[in-house]
C-alpha atoms as a PDB file:
ATOM      1  CA  MET A   1       0.000   0.000   0.000  1.00  0.00           C
ATOM      2  CA  LYS A   2       1.307   3.456  -0.897  1.00  0.00           C
ATOM      3  CA  ILE A   3      -0.184   6.909  -0.340  1.00  0.00           C
ATOM      4  CA  LEU A   4       1.000  10.024  -2.151  1.00  0.00           C
ATOM      5  CA  SER A   5       0.221  13.563  -1.018  1.00  0.00           C
ATOM      6  CA  ILE A   6       0.507  16.379  -3.545  1.00  0.00           C
ATOM      7  CA  ASN A   7       0.732  19.854  -2.023  1.00  0.00           C
ATOM      8  CA  GLY A   8       0.156  22.968  -4.130  1.00  0.00           C
ATOM      9  CA  SER A   9       1.547  25.305  -1.468  1.00  0.00           C
ATOM     10  CA  ARG A  10       5.051  26.787  -1.512  1.00  0.00           C
ATOM     11  CA  ARG A  11       5.080  27.079   2.298  1.00  0.00           C
ATOM     12  CA  LYS A  12       6.663  23.864   3.528  1.00  0.00           C
ATOM     13  CA  GLN A  13       5.581  24.507   7.102  1.00  0.00           C
ATOM     14  CA  GLY A  14       2.280  26.065   6.125  1.00  0.00           C
ATOM     15  CA  ASN A  15      -1.299  25.266   7.034  1.00  0.00           C
ATOM     16  CA  THR A  16      -1.897  23.072   3.992  1.00  0.00           C
ATOM     17  CA  GLU A  17       1.049  20.871   4.980  1.00  0.00           C
ATOM     18  CA  PHE A  18      -0.172  20.509   8.577  1.00  0.00           C
ATOM     19  CA  LEU A  19      -3.632  19.558   7.292  1.00  0.00           C
ATOM     20  CA  ILE A  20      -2.107  16.969   4.942  1.00  0.00           C
ATOM     21  CA  GLN A  21       0.051  15.504   7.719  1.00  0.00           C
ATOM     22  CA  SER A  22      -3.041  15.080   9.916  1.00  0.00           C
ATOM     23  CA  ILE A  23      -4.761  13.193   7.097  1.00  0.00           C
ATOM     24  CA  LEU A  24      -1.685  10.987   6.623  1.00  0.00           C
ATOM     25  CA  ALA A  25      -1.100  10.350  10.351  1.00  0.00           C
ATOM     26  CA  PRO A  26      -3.230   7.158  10.684  1.00  0.00           C
ATOM     27  CA  ALA A  27      -1.543   5.505   7.691  1.00  0.00           C
ATOM     28  CA  LYS A  28       1.924   6.463   8.953  1.00  0.00           C
ATOM     29  CA  LYS A  29       1.114   4.939  12.354  1.00  0.00           C
ATOM     30  CA  LYS A  30       0.248   1.689  10.579  1.00  0.00           C
ATOM     31  CA  GLY A  31       3.570   1.699   8.700  1.00  0.00           C
ATOM     32  CA  VAL A  32       2.106   2.492   5.294  1.00  0.00           C
ATOM     33  CA  GLN A  33       4.545   3.843   2.711  1.00  0.00           C
ATOM     34  CA  VAL A  34       3.766   7.548   2.422  1.00  0.00           C
ATOM     35  CA  GLU A  35       5.377  10.080   0.086  1.00  0.00           C
ATOM     36  CA  SER A  36       4.665  13.802   0.290  1.00  0.00           C
ATOM     37  CA  ILE A  37       5.616  16.179  -2.502  1.00  0.00           C
ATOM     38  CA  PHE A  38       5.416  19.927  -3.061  1.00  0.00           C
ATOM     39  CA  LEU A  39       4.594  20.844  -6.644  1.00  0.00           C
ATOM     40  CA  GLY A  40       6.826  23.907  -6.272  1.00  0.00           C
ATOM     41  CA  ASP A  41       9.837  21.576  -6.127  1.00  0.00           C
ATOM     42  CA  TYR A  42       9.128  20.427  -9.690  1.00  0.00           C
ATOM     43  CA  SER A  43       9.471  22.286 -12.954  1.00  0.00           C
ATOM     44  CA  ILE A  44       6.037  21.926 -14.548  1.00  0.00           C
ATOM     45  CA  GLY A  45       5.287  24.215 -17.457  1.00  0.00           C
ATOM     46  CA  ALA A  46       1.915  25.307 -18.759  1.00  0.00           C
ATOM     47  CA  CYS A  47      -0.210  23.122 -21.009  1.00  0.00           C
ATOM     48  CA  THR A  48       0.064  24.388 -24.585  1.00  0.00           C
ATOM     49  CA  GLY A  49      -3.118  22.745 -25.887  1.00  0.00           C
ATOM     50  CA  CYS A  50      -1.108  20.943 -28.556  1.00  0.00           C
ATOM     51  CA  GLU A  51      -3.125  17.677 -28.315  1.00  0.00           C
ATOM     52  CA  GLY A  52       0.140  15.688 -28.522  1.00  0.00           C
ATOM     53  CA  CYS A  53      -1.182  13.503 -25.695  1.00  0.00           C
ATOM     54  CA  SER A  54      -4.446  12.641 -27.444  1.00  0.00           C
ATOM     55  CA  ARG A  55      -3.644   8.979 -28.008  1.00  0.00           C
ATOM     56  CA  SER A  56      -0.984   8.129 -25.442  1.00  0.00           C
ATOM     57  CA  TRP A  57      -1.827   9.167 -21.829  1.00  0.00           C
ATOM     58  CA  GLU A  58       1.528  10.998 -21.946  1.00  0.00           C
ATOM     59  CA  CYS A  59       2.241  14.692 -22.215  1.00  0.00           C
ATOM     60  CA  ILE A  60       4.863  15.413 -24.864  1.00  0.00           C
ATOM     61  CA  ILE A  61       6.313  18.414 -22.981  1.00  0.00           C
ATOM     62  CA  LYS A  62       9.600  17.359 -21.428  1.00  0.00           C
ATOM     63  CA  ASP A  63       9.832  18.613 -17.857  1.00  0.00           C
ATOM     64  CA  ASP A  64       9.157  17.226 -14.361  1.00  0.00           C
ATOM     65  CA  PHE A  65       5.455  16.533 -14.937  1.00  0.00           C
ATOM     66  CA  ALA A  66       6.102  12.916 -15.965  1.00  0.00           C
ATOM     67  CA  GLN A  67       7.902  12.291 -12.635  1.00  0.00           C
ATOM     68  CA  VAL A  68       4.829  13.378 -10.692  1.00  0.00           C
ATOM     69  CA  VAL A  69       2.479  11.288 -12.841  1.00  0.00           C
ATOM     70  CA  LYS A  70       4.713   8.253 -12.271  1.00  0.00           C
ATOM     71  CA  LYS A  71       4.243   8.756  -8.529  1.00  0.00           C
ATOM     72  CA  VAL A  72       0.462   8.924  -9.011  1.00  0.00           C
ATOM     73  CA  ASP A  73       0.633   5.760 -11.137  1.00  0.00           C
ATOM     74  CA  GLU A  74       2.411   3.925  -8.303  1.00  0.00           C
ATOM     75  CA  ALA A  75       0.137   5.133  -5.483  1.00  0.00           C
ATOM     76  CA  ASP A  76      -2.994   3.442  -4.176  1.00  0.00           C
ATOM     77  CA  GLY A  77      -4.225   6.539  -2.381  1.00  0.00           C
ATOM     78  CA  ILE A  78      -3.814  10.224  -3.189  1.00  0.00           C
ATOM     79  CA  VAL A  79      -4.179  13.296  -0.970  1.00  0.00           C
ATOM     80  CA  LEU A  80      -4.499  16.376  -3.200  1.00  0.00           C
ATOM     81  CA  ALA A  81      -4.364  19.725  -1.423  1.00  0.00           C
ATOM     82  CA  SER A  82      -3.962  23.435  -2.054  1.00  0.00           C
ATOM     83  CA  PRO A  83      -4.313  26.717  -0.220  1.00  0.00           C
ATOM     84  CA  THR A  84      -6.721  29.209  -1.746  1.00  0.00           C
ATOM     85  CA  TYR A  85      -5.183  32.029  -3.794  1.00  0.00           C
ATOM     86  CA  TRP A  86      -7.743  34.456  -5.220  1.00  0.00           C
ATOM     87  CA  TYR A  87     -10.685  32.047  -4.881  1.00  0.00           C
ATOM     88  CA  SER A  88      -8.893  29.074  -6.433  1.00  0.00           C
ATOM     89  CA  VAL A  89      -5.898  26.761  -6.283  1.00  0.00           C
ATOM     90  CA  THR A  90      -2.315  27.997  -6.504  1.00  0.00           C
ATOM     91  CA  SER A  91      -0.621  28.476  -9.865  1.00  0.00           C
ATOM     92  CA  ASP A  92       1.549  25.400  -9.195  1.00  0.00           C
ATOM     93  CA  MET A  93      -1.550  23.259  -8.673  1.00  0.00           C
ATOM     94  CA  LYS A  94      -3.349  24.773 -11.651  1.00  0.00           C
ATOM     95  CA  ARG A  95      -0.426  24.012 -13.991  1.00  0.00           C
ATOM     96  CA  PHE A  96      -0.370  20.433 -12.710  1.00  0.00           C
ATOM     97  CA  ILE A  97      -4.128  20.072 -13.223  1.00  0.00           C
ATOM     98  CA  ASP A  98      -3.956  21.561 -16.729  1.00  0.00           C
ATOM     99  CA  ARG A  99      -1.139  19.218 -17.707  1.00  0.00           C
ATOM    100  CA  CYS A 100      -3.215  16.278 -16.479  1.00  0.00           C
ATOM    101  CA  TYR A 101      -5.310  16.813 -19.595  1.00  0.00           C
ATOM    102  CA  SER A 102      -3.006  14.044 -20.847  1.00  0.00           C
ATOM    103  CA  LEU A 103      -4.672  11.711 -18.325  1.00  0.00           C
ATOM    104  CA  ILE A 104      -8.024  11.710 -20.101  1.00  0.00           C
ATOM    105  CA  GLN A 105      -8.972  10.310 -23.502  1.00  0.00           C
ATOM    106  CA  PHE A 106     -11.945  10.907 -25.773  1.00  0.00           C
ATOM    107  CA  PRO A 107     -12.586   7.494 -27.375  1.00  0.00           C
ATOM    108  CA  VAL A 108     -15.815   8.364 -29.232  1.00  0.00           C
ATOM    109  CA  ASN A 109     -16.390  12.120 -29.251  1.00  0.00           C
ATOM    110  CA  ARG A 110     -15.516  15.262 -27.293  1.00  0.00           C
ATOM    111  CA  LYS A 111     -18.597  14.959 -25.093  1.00  0.00           C
ATOM    112  CA  LYS A 112     -17.444  11.944 -23.064  1.00  0.00           C
ATOM    113  CA  TRP A 113     -14.039  11.024 -21.784  1.00  0.00           C
ATOM    114  CA  ILE A 114     -12.383   8.336 -19.720  1.00  0.00           C
ATOM    115  CA  GLY A 115      -9.782   9.011 -17.060  1.00  0.00           C
ATOM    116  CA  LYS A 116      -6.522   7.106 -16.925  1.00  0.00           C
ATOM    117  CA  TYR A 117      -7.285   5.839 -13.424  1.00  0.00           C
ATOM    118  CA  GLN A 118     -10.885   4.835 -14.087  1.00  0.00           C
ATOM    119  CA  GLY A 119     -11.461   1.328 -12.746  1.00  0.00           C
ATOM    120  CA  THR A 120      -8.116   1.212 -10.894  1.00  0.00           C
ATOM    121  CA  GLU A 121      -9.725   1.656  -7.453  1.00  0.00           C
ATOM    122  CA  LYS A 122      -7.303   4.454  -6.591  1.00  0.00           C
ATOM    123  CA  VAL A 123      -8.875   6.519  -3.830  1.00  0.00           C
ATOM    124  CA  CYS A 124      -8.429  10.208  -3.141  1.00  0.00           C
ATOM    125  CA  VAL A 125      -8.957  12.782  -0.426  1.00  0.00           C
ATOM    126  CA  THR A 126      -8.998  16.446  -1.405  1.00  0.00           C
ATOM    127  CA  ALA A 127      -8.172  19.256   1.026  1.00  0.00           C
ATOM    128  CA  ALA A 128      -8.086  23.040   0.926  1.00  0.00           C
ATOM    129  CA  VAL A 129      -7.198  25.899   3.250  1.00  0.00           C
ATOM    130  CA  CYS A 130      -8.449  29.484   3.079  1.00  0.00           C
ATOM    131  CA  GLU A 131      -7.385  32.612   4.972  1.00  0.00           C
ATOM    132  CA  GLN A 132     -10.936  33.939   5.263  1.00  0.00           C
ATOM    133  CA  SER A 133     -13.548  32.398   7.551  1.00  0.00           C
ATOM    134  CA  GLU A 134     -16.453  32.777   5.134  1.00  0.00           C
ATOM    135  CA  ALA A 135     -17.027  29.594   3.116  1.00  0.00           C
ATOM    136  CA  SER A 136     -17.706  31.585  -0.057  1.00  0.00           C
ATOM    137  CA  MET A 137     -14.143  32.927  -0.031  1.00  0.00           C
ATOM    138  CA  ILE A 138     -12.681  29.487  -0.729  1.00  0.00           C
ATOM    139  CA  GLY A 139     -14.129  29.998  -4.206  1.00  0.00           C
ATOM    140  CA  ASN A 140     -13.710  26.962  -6.439  1.00  0.00           C
ATOM    141  CA  THR A 141     -10.618  25.557  -4.689  1.00  0.00           C
ATOM    142  CA  MET A 142     -12.397  22.550  -3.193  1.00  0.00           C
ATOM    143  CA  SER A 143     -14.662  21.841  -6.145  1.00  0.00           C
ATOM    144  CA  LEU A 144     -11.792  22.145  -8.644  1.00  0.00           C
ATOM    145  CA  LEU A 145      -9.607  19.684  -6.725  1.00  0.00           C
ATOM    146  CA  THR A 146     -12.502  17.251  -6.296  1.00  0.00           C
ATOM    147  CA  ASP A 147     -13.969  17.458  -9.797  1.00  0.00           C
ATOM    148  CA  PHE A 148     -10.531  17.188 -11.380  1.00  0.00           C
ATOM    149  CA  SER A 149      -9.703  14.095  -9.321  1.00  0.00           C
ATOM    150  CA  LYS A 150     -12.950  12.436 -10.378  1.00  0.00           C
ATOM    151  CA  ASP A 151     -12.361  13.359 -14.021  1.00  0.00           C
ATOM    152  CA  ILE A 152      -9.036  11.498 -14.144  1.00  0.00           C
ATOM    153  CA  GLY A 153     -10.683   8.463 -12.574  1.00  0.00           C
ATOM    154  CA  LEU A 154      -9.831   8.759  -8.877  1.00  0.00           C
ATOM    155  CA  ASP A 155     -12.500   7.779  -6.356  1.00  0.00           C
ATOM    156  CA  VAL A 156     -12.831  10.836  -4.093  1.00  0.00           C
ATOM    157  CA  ILE A 157     -13.978   9.526  -0.732  1.00  0.00           C
ATOM    158  CA  GLU A 158     -13.900  12.720   1.358  1.00  0.00           C
ATOM    159  CA  THR A 159     -12.952  16.386   1.366  1.00  0.00           C
ATOM    160  CA  VAL A 160     -11.452  18.449   4.199  1.00  0.00           C
ATOM    161  CA  LYS A 161     -11.388  22.224   4.291  1.00  0.00           C
ATOM    162  CA  GLY A 162      -9.910  24.659   6.751  1.00  0.00           C
ATOM    163  CA  LEU A 163     -11.288  28.184   6.911  1.00  0.00           C
ATOM    164  CA  GLY A 164      -9.791  31.171   8.696  1.00  0.00           C
ATOM    165  CA  PHE A 165      -6.091  30.300   8.651  1.00  0.00           C
ATOM    166  CA  PHE A 166      -3.334  32.592   7.388  1.00  0.00           C
ATOM    167  CA  GLU A 167      -0.295  32.594   9.685  1.00  0.00           C
ATOM    168  CA  ALA A 168       1.856  29.563   8.900  1.00  0.00           C
ATOM    169  CA  GLY A 169       1.001  26.792  11.337  1.00  0.00           C
ATOM    170  CA  SER A 170      -2.043  28.519  12.841  1.00  0.00           C
ATOM    171  CA  ILE A 171      -4.182  25.566  11.787  1.00  0.00           C
ATOM    172  CA  ARG A 172      -2.512  23.492  14.529  1.00  0.00           C
ATOM    173  CA  ALA A 173      -4.651  25.311  17.112  1.00  0.00           C
ATOM    174  CA  ASP A 174      -7.878  23.931  15.605  1.00  0.00           C
ATOM    175  CA  HIS A 175      -7.969  20.517  17.246  1.00  0.00           C
ATOM    176  CA  ASN A 176     -11.455  19.734  15.915  1.00  0.00           C
ATOM    177  CA  LEU A 177     -10.404  20.273  12.312  1.00  0.00           C
ATOM    178  CA  LEU A 178      -7.235  18.236  12.709  1.00  0.00           C
ATOM    179  CA  GLN A 179      -9.242  15.446  14.355  1.00  0.00           C
ATOM    180  CA  LYS A 180     -11.631  15.497  11.391  1.00  0.00           C
ATOM    181  CA  ALA A 181      -8.603  15.300   9.093  1.00  0.00           C
ATOM    182  CA  GLU A 182      -7.258  12.291  11.031  1.00  0.00           C
ATOM    183  CA  THR A 183     -10.658  10.592  10.867  1.00  0.00           C
ATOM    184  CA  THR A 184     -10.647  11.157   7.114  1.00  0.00           C
ATOM    185  CA  GLY A 185      -7.161   9.669   6.961  1.00  0.00           C
ATOM    186  CA  GLN A 186      -8.321   6.650   8.947  1.00  0.00           C
ATOM    187  CA  ASN A 187     -11.192   6.174   6.490  1.00  0.00           C
ATOM    188  CA  LEU A 188      -8.693   6.367   3.638  1.00  0.00           C
ATOM    189  CA  PHE A 189      -6.499   3.744   5.279  1.00  0.00           C
ATOM    190  CA  ASP A 190      -9.449   1.451   6.051  1.00  0.00           C
ATOM    191  CA  LEU A 191     -10.655   1.638   2.458  1.00  0.00           C
ATOM    192  CA  LEU A 192      -7.206   0.848   1.081  1.00  0.00           C
ATOM    193  CA  LYS A 193      -6.736  -2.019   3.518  1.00  0.00           C
ATOM    194  CA  ARG A 194      -9.736  -3.928   2.094  1.00  0.00           C
END
């Protein structure tokens, strides 16, 4: 069993990372292989819309994107998380999502697609953090992460969102939220264990 977390934040000791680590805690306690990556550590350029991936599941742009996809390929569970920047995911996360266009195919027409991970039983938890306390200020961060994950064929089992956190690490004071995150992580582990 292997779980991969993908963090769209550049703050390595930020609130998104603490939320992710709470989700991963139950699996780590059970000795599950866990890998956590920051998208900012990888050179991932913008999608050019070239359609070079249309028949291969592989993006033809040569940068670090293929390394990240290989990690997703090898994982049984995914935790996908981003802080909210201007009502949406970070630019690092958005570039990654756009490049994952290579992970869908249109076998019949442009109206229906299949995701690379469809039928693989890979499970996913999505998580987001927002500085503001009002739920509307998270914008489309949560829905983008969740809808994208479903589109590429991941089975999204739960979402976790933290509202009202700006100072790096301030999320650690919200014990209820971190307990919810751990419960989500336990559910992820239990599902993978079956």
